[in-house]
Amino acid sequence: MRSSRVASSIAATFGKTTVGASSDSFRRDRKRVNRYLLPVSGAVTKLTVYLAPTRTAGKQVIKGVLYSDAAGKPEALLAVSGQLAFTSAMRCSAASARSR
């Protein structure tokens, strides 16, 4: 009798899945990154960034990025989203990144 192993995967979500109650604003051309850790080994298949409109005219270009971790510091770039030009007139937008 032959046996075989079948790889299984379970889809899971971590982090925020809706727009949160708190917000922050930045001066022009300033960006932010946040550190999140997967609770178990896995693969990130989608990154969503929530953005809210402001009262400031103009636009900002952003990308979502994923880096590996080396003792709490970013190491290798793992994934990057397409470029998004966000304007204050947009109601809400999301940029999605897929791993390379």
Protein backbone atom coordinates (compact mmCIF):
# COMPACT_ATOMS: atom_id res chain seq x y z
CA MET A 1 0.00 0.00 0.00
CA ARG A 2 1.36 3.38 -0.98
CA SER A 3 0.80 6.47 1.02
CA SER A 4 1.26 10.02 -0.01
CA ARG A 5 1.33 13.30 1.77
CA VAL A 6 -0.77 16.17 0.64
CA ALA A 7 0.26 19.64 1.64
CA SER A 8 -2.56 21.47 3.30
CA SER A 9 -2.98 25.13 3.89
CA ILE A 10 -5.34 27.10 6.02
CA ALA A 11 -6.23 30.64 5.07
CA ALA A 12 -5.90 33.00 7.99
CA THR A 13 -6.02 36.74 8.46
CA PHE A 14 -4.04 38.82 10.90
CA GLY A 15 -3.99 42.53 11.51
CA LYS A 16 -6.86 44.84 10.75
CA THR A 17 -9.55 43.84 8.27
CA THR A 18 -11.49 47.12 8.38
CA VAL A 19 -10.66 50.78 8.73
CA GLY A 20 -9.73 51.46 12.35
CA ALA A 21 -11.01 54.19 14.66
CA SER A 22 -7.67 55.99 14.99
CA SER A 23 -5.90 57.90 12.25
CA ASP A 24 -2.73 59.87 11.70
CA SER A 25 -1.55 62.48 9.24
CA PHE A 26 1.88 63.36 7.91
CA ARG A 27 3.60 66.21 6.18
CA ARG A 28 4.09 65.94 2.44
CA ASP A 29 6.44 63.16 1.29
CA ARG A 30 6.62 61.43 4.66
CA LYS A 31 5.77 57.73 4.81
CA ARG A 32 5.35 55.17 7.57
CA VAL A 33 5.98 51.48 7.98
CA ASN A 34 4.61 49.25 10.73
CA ARG A 35 6.00 46.04 12.14
CA TYR A 36 3.73 43.01 12.30
CA LEU A 37 4.73 39.45 13.07
CA LEU A 38 3.03 36.32 11.79
CA PRO A 39 2.07 34.23 14.84
CA VAL A 40 3.08 31.05 12.98
CA SER A 41 5.11 30.31 9.88
CA GLY A 42 3.16 31.12 6.75
CA ALA A 43 2.91 33.06 3.53
CA VAL A 44 1.45 36.50 3.04
CA THR A 45 -0.79 36.48 -0.02
CA LYS A 46 -2.34 39.93 0.29
CA LEU A 47 -1.48 43.23 1.95
CA THR A 48 -4.15 45.90 2.26
CA VAL A 49 -3.47 49.51 3.20
CA TYR A 50 -6.37 51.68 4.36
CA LEU A 51 -6.19 55.38 3.50
CA ALA A 52 -8.57 58.18 4.43
CA PRO A 53 -9.18 61.54 2.76
CA THR A 54 -7.66 64.73 4.14
CA ARG A 55 -8.31 68.43 3.77
CA THR A 56 -4.93 68.97 2.10
CA ALA A 57 -4.88 69.38 -1.67
CA GLY A 58 -2.48 67.35 -3.79
CA LYS A 59 -1.48 63.74 -4.04
CA GLN A 60 1.02 61.34 -2.53
CA VAL A 61 2.51 58.29 -4.20
CA ILE A 62 2.70 55.19 -2.03
CA LYS A 63 3.61 51.51 -2.26
CA GLY A 64 2.99 48.69 0.18
CA VAL A 65 6.12 46.74 1.14
CA LEU A 66 6.94 43.54 3.04
CA TYR A 67 10.38 42.87 4.48
CA SER A 68 11.84 39.90 6.31
CA ASP A 69 12.91 40.53 9.90
CA ALA A 70 16.45 40.44 11.29
CA ALA A 71 16.40 40.95 15.06
CA GLY A 72 13.61 43.51 14.83
CA LYS A 73 14.99 45.38 11.82
CA PRO A 74 13.94 45.11 8.15
CA GLU A 75 16.16 42.84 6.08
CA ALA A 76 15.26 41.46 2.62
CA LEU A 77 12.47 43.02 0.56
CA LEU A 78 9.92 40.22 0.07
CA ALA A 79 7.09 41.97 -1.78
CA VAL A 80 6.08 45.36 -3.09
CA SER A 81 2.74 46.60 -4.37
CA GLY A 82 2.09 48.60 -7.46
CA GLN A 83 2.33 52.35 -7.08
CA LEU A 84 -0.79 54.22 -5.94
CA ALA A 85 -1.24 57.97 -6.32
CA PHE A 86 -3.54 58.87 -3.43
CA THR A 87 -5.34 62.21 -3.50
CA SER A 88 -7.25 63.92 -0.73
CA ALA A 89 -10.41 63.69 -2.85
CA MET A 90 -10.46 59.87 -2.68
CA ARG A 91 -12.96 58.51 -0.20
CA CYS A 92 -10.95 55.42 0.72
CA SER A 93 -8.35 53.42 -1.14
CA ALA A 94 -6.35 50.27 -0.78
CA ALA A 95 -3.03 49.21 -2.25
CA SER A 96 -2.44 45.48 -2.47
CA ALA A 97 0.91 43.69 -2.63
CA ARG A 98 1.58 40.16 -3.80
CA SER A 99 4.75 38.34 -2.84
CA ARG A 100 7.47 38.02 -5.47
